[in-house]
Amino acid sequence: MVLCSTYMSNECKVPLHPNNRDELVKKCRVWKDHIDGQDCGDDAGHWMSKCLEVEGLRLVMSLPGMKRRPVDGPNAPPGTVVAFPDNSPLLVVNAASLANLKTRIPNSERITKFNFRPNLVIESDVPWDEDKWSSLQIGNSHLNVLEACGRCVLTTVDYEQCERREDGEPLKTLKTFRVFPDINKTAPMFGVYTCVVGTGRVKVGDSVYATYTN
């Protein structure tokens, strides 16, 4: 695995599948949950500190057998866990919804999928179709849709300039039509949390098949 920075000419390489080494395991915290992560070494830590201009940073990864956090929700199979992501293993975004959102925002050229930090982006002809998804079949992998993702102020950060947009977009516009009090009273919804219930290989260009809630 190679870490690259837009703001630095060098790169940092770490193993994608390192061996478990007990002496490198660190206790980590995500929100109120305590989990384990294996330290990726001084080179990775120094690279991140220099890139982000914050001293003392460390890169950790979750490996098989390490303590993780349970994923809640009626559509999550028992025993579903997550390590460092917010609420679920994968965040899925519908490209048609992003296109629809951008038509509502002046000067939206610099608003992209990266504002929402998705793991998977699905090309669709139907904006906001994800509101009705219950599961997705992508290639030979099967995902359960858990819930809509409530968005925060980080969506307003211009990822190239590393600063917040002065107009508060896209969060400002999302709040005008994507707040659903029965899910979240303040945070607008964009994208869906999912978990993997049938593992398989996923690649760009795979067909996607959705099942829908009643």
Protein backbone atom coordinates (compact mmCIF):
# COMPACT_ATOMS: atom_id res chain seq x y z
CA MET A 1 0.00 0.00 0.00
CA VAL A 2 1.38 3.41 -0.98
CA LEU A 3 0.47 6.65 0.79
CA CYS A 4 0.75 9.70 -1.45
CA SER A 5 0.34 13.36 -0.63
CA THR A 6 -0.84 16.14 -2.90
CA TYR A 7 1.40 18.51 -0.98
CA MET A 8 4.59 16.43 -0.88
CA SER A 9 6.63 14.98 -3.70
CA ASN A 10 7.63 11.84 -1.82
CA GLU A 11 5.55 8.81 -0.89
CA CYS A 12 5.49 6.38 2.00
CA LYS A 13 5.07 2.63 1.54
CA VAL A 14 3.63 0.27 4.17
CA PRO A 15 2.71 -3.44 3.82
CA LEU A 16 -0.88 -4.08 2.80
CA HIS A 17 -0.97 -7.38 4.73
CA PRO A 18 1.65 -7.21 7.50
CA ASN A 19 2.20 -9.96 10.04
CA ASN A 20 0.57 -9.51 13.44
CA ARG A 21 3.17 -8.31 15.93
CA ASP A 22 1.96 -8.01 19.52
CA GLU A 23 4.71 -5.53 20.43
CA LEU A 24 3.37 -3.05 17.84
CA VAL A 25 -0.28 -3.19 18.93
CA LYS A 26 -1.57 0.06 20.39
CA LYS A 27 -4.77 0.81 22.24
CA CYS A 28 -6.90 3.17 20.16
CA ARG A 29 -10.18 5.02 20.71
CA VAL A 30 -12.93 5.80 18.20
CA TRP A 31 -15.58 7.95 19.86
CA LYS A 32 -16.22 6.07 23.13
CA ASP A 33 -15.07 2.66 21.88
CA HIS A 34 -11.64 1.23 22.64
CA ILE A 35 -10.09 -0.99 19.96
CA ASP A 36 -6.68 -2.25 18.84
CA GLY A 37 -4.46 -1.07 15.99
CA GLN A 38 -1.00 -2.17 14.87
CA ASP A 39 1.53 0.64 14.50
CA CYS A 40 2.93 0.92 10.95
CA GLY A 41 6.32 2.24 12.08
CA ASP A 42 8.29 5.44 12.48
CA ASP A 43 8.62 6.19 8.76
CA ALA A 44 4.84 6.25 8.30
CA GLY A 45 4.35 8.27 11.49
CA HIS A 46 6.95 10.87 10.50
CA TRP A 47 5.52 11.08 6.96
CA MET A 48 2.02 11.79 8.28
CA SER A 49 3.28 14.34 10.79
CA LYS A 50 5.18 16.21 8.09
CA CYS A 51 2.30 16.05 5.61
CA LEU A 52 -0.34 17.25 8.09
CA GLU A 53 2.04 19.54 10.03
CA VAL A 54 1.06 17.93 13.34
CA GLU A 55 3.78 16.43 15.53
CA GLY A 56 3.57 12.94 17.00
CA LEU A 57 1.10 11.31 14.59
CA ARG A 58 1.11 7.53 14.13
CA LEU A 59 -0.46 5.37 11.42
CA VAL A 60 -2.20 2.23 12.69
CA MET A 61 -4.14 -0.51 10.93
CA SER A 62 -6.62 -3.13 12.07
CA LEU A 63 -5.55 -6.71 11.39
CA PRO A 64 -7.44 -10.02 11.66
CA GLY A 65 -8.03 -11.08 15.24
CA MET A 66 -7.84 -7.58 16.71
CA LYS A 67 -10.55 -6.04 18.87
CA ARG A 68 -13.07 -4.04 16.82
CA ARG A 69 -16.38 -2.23 17.38
CA PRO A 70 -19.84 -3.77 16.86
CA VAL A 71 -22.01 -2.38 14.05
CA ASP A 72 -25.53 -1.67 15.30
CA GLY A 73 -28.75 -1.61 13.32
CA PRO A 74 -31.55 -4.03 12.39
CA ASN A 75 -30.05 -4.72 8.96
CA ALA A 76 -26.60 -5.64 10.31
CA PRO A 77 -26.07 -9.40 10.76
CA PRO A 78 -25.05 -10.44 14.31
CA GLY A 79 -21.32 -10.16 14.83
CA THR A 80 -20.77 -7.42 12.22
CA VAL A 81 -17.83 -5.28 13.34
CA VAL A 82 -15.95 -2.18 12.20
CA ALA A 83 -12.56 -0.77 13.15
CA PHE A 84 -11.78 2.89 12.44
CA PRO A 85 -14.60 4.11 10.14
CA ASP A 86 -17.42 6.09 11.74
CA ASN A 87 -20.47 3.80 11.74
CA SER A 88 -19.94 1.03 9.23
CA PRO A 89 -17.29 -0.65 7.07
CA LEU A 90 -18.32 1.04 3.79
CA LEU A 91 -19.93 4.35 2.84
CA VAL A 92 -21.69 4.29 -0.54
CA VAL A 93 -22.61 7.41 -2.54
CA ASN A 94 -24.95 7.69 -5.54
CA ALA A 95 -23.36 9.83 -8.28
CA ALA A 96 -26.80 10.92 -9.53
CA SER A 97 -27.57 12.39 -6.10
CA LEU A 98 -24.32 14.34 -6.15
CA ALA A 99 -25.14 15.70 -9.62
CA ASN A 100 -28.61 16.73 -8.44
CA LEU A 101 -27.19 18.42 -5.35
CA LYS A 102 -24.71 20.42 -7.42
CA THR A 103 -27.51 21.84 -9.60
CA ARG A 104 -28.88 23.48 -6.44
CA ILE A 105 -25.58 25.15 -5.44
CA PRO A 106 -24.02 28.19 -7.14
CA ASN A 107 -20.33 27.82 -7.92
CA SER A 108 -20.37 24.09 -7.25
CA GLU A 109 -17.53 23.17 -9.64
CA ARG A 110 -15.13 22.32 -6.81
CA ILE A 111 -17.67 20.21 -4.93
CA THR A 112 -16.95 16.58 -5.76
CA LYS A 113 -17.39 13.10 -4.35
CA PHE A 114 -14.28 13.75 -2.25
CA ASN A 115 -16.24 16.21 -0.09
CA PHE A 116 -18.20 13.18 1.14
CA ARG A 117 -15.28 10.72 1.47
CA PRO A 118 -17.08 7.62 0.10
CA ASN A 119 -15.62 4.13 -0.20
CA LEU A 120 -17.77 3.31 -3.23
CA VAL A 121 -19.44 5.56 -5.80
CA ILE A 122 -22.29 4.09 -7.83
CA GLU A 123 -23.32 5.49 -11.19
CA SER A 124 -27.12 5.73 -11.34
CA ASP A 125 -29.78 7.51 -13.35
CA VAL A 126 -32.01 8.16 -10.32
CA PRO A 127 -31.09 10.85 -7.76
CA TRP A 128 -31.73 9.89 -4.13
CA ASP A 129 -32.54 6.31 -5.14
CA GLU A 130 -30.35 5.21 -2.23
CA ASP A 131 -33.10 6.25 0.18
CA LYS A 132 -34.96 3.08 -0.85
CA TRP A 133 -32.08 0.61 -1.06
CA SER A 134 -32.02 -2.32 1.35
CA SER A 135 -29.11 -4.25 -0.20
CA LEU A 136 -26.64 -4.10 -3.09
CA GLN A 137 -25.02 -6.78 -5.21
CA ILE A 138 -21.75 -5.58 -6.75
CA GLY A 139 -19.83 -8.16 -8.72
CA ASN A 140 -19.88 -11.20 -6.45
CA SER A 141 -20.01 -9.14 -3.25
CA HIS A 142 -23.21 -8.47 -1.31
CA LEU A 143 -23.79 -5.41 0.90
CA ASN A 144 -26.57 -4.70 3.35
CA VAL A 145 -27.64 -1.05 3.55
CA LEU A 146 -27.76 -0.04 7.21
CA GLU A 147 -28.88 3.59 7.31
CA ALA A 148 -28.44 7.00 5.74
CA CYS A 149 -25.30 8.93 6.65
CA GLY A 150 -25.74 12.20 8.53
CA ARG A 151 -23.22 14.73 7.28
CA CYS A 152 -21.09 17.17 9.26
CA VAL A 153 -19.02 20.30 8.68
CA LEU A 154 -16.16 18.30 7.14
CA THR A 155 -18.15 18.20 3.89
CA THR A 156 -17.45 21.93 3.53
CA VAL A 157 -13.67 21.47 3.37
CA ASP A 158 -12.10 22.07 -0.03
CA TYR A 159 -9.81 19.04 -0.15
CA GLU A 160 -7.37 20.69 -2.56
CA GLN A 161 -7.08 23.98 -0.66
CA CYS A 162 -7.33 22.35 2.80
CA GLU A 163 -9.72 25.02 4.01
CA ARG A 164 -13.44 25.39 4.55
CA ARG A 165 -15.57 26.99 1.86
CA GLU A 166 -16.77 30.41 2.97
CA ASP A 167 -20.30 29.70 1.65
CA GLY A 168 -20.74 26.64 3.90
CA GLU A 169 -21.56 24.40 0.94
CA PRO A 170 -22.61 21.70 0.30
CA LEU A 171 -23.85 21.37 3.90
CA LYS A 172 -25.87 24.59 3.72
CA THR A 173 -27.96 23.39 0.77
CA LEU A 174 -28.27 19.83 2.06
CA LYS A 175 -29.90 21.19 5.21
CA THR A 176 -32.68 22.76 3.12
CA PHE A 177 -34.06 19.46 1.84
CA ARG A 178 -32.21 16.45 3.27
CA VAL A 179 -32.92 16.65 7.01
CA PHE A 180 -35.18 13.85 8.24
CA PRO A 181 -35.97 14.32 11.95
CA ASP A 182 -36.92 10.67 12.45
CA ILE A 183 -33.32 9.75 11.52
CA ASN A 184 -31.36 12.80 12.70
CA LYS A 185 -32.84 16.09 13.87
CA THR A 186 -29.99 18.30 12.65
CA ALA A 187 -27.60 16.51 10.29
CA PRO A 188 -28.64 16.27 6.63
CA MET A 189 -28.42 12.89 4.89
CA PHE A 190 -26.08 12.07 2.02
CA GLY A 191 -24.87 8.56 1.15
CA VAL A 192 -25.60 5.31 2.97
CA TYR A 193 -23.74 3.17 5.45
CA THR A 194 -23.34 -0.47 4.38
CA CYS A 195 -21.79 -3.68 5.67
CA VAL A 196 -20.47 -6.68 3.76
CA VAL A 197 -22.49 -9.88 4.17
CA GLY A 198 -21.07 -11.74 1.16
CA THR A 199 -17.41 -11.12 0.42
CA GLY A 200 -16.03 -10.97 -3.10
CA ARG A 201 -13.98 -8.89 -5.47
CA VAL A 202 -15.29 -5.43 -6.45
CA LYS A 203 -13.84 -3.49 -9.36
CA VAL A 204 -14.57 -0.32 -11.29
CA GLY A 205 -17.25 -0.94 -13.92
CA ASP A 206 -19.04 -3.77 -12.08
CA SER A 207 -22.80 -3.89 -12.54
CA VAL A 208 -24.77 -3.01 -9.41
CA TYR A 209 -28.11 -4.56 -8.50
CA ALA A 210 -30.23 -3.04 -5.73
CA THR A 211 -33.08 -4.46 -3.70
CA TYR A 212 -35.58 -2.01 -2.26
CA THR A 213 -37.43 -1.55 0.99
CA ASN A 214 -41.19 -2.10 0.91
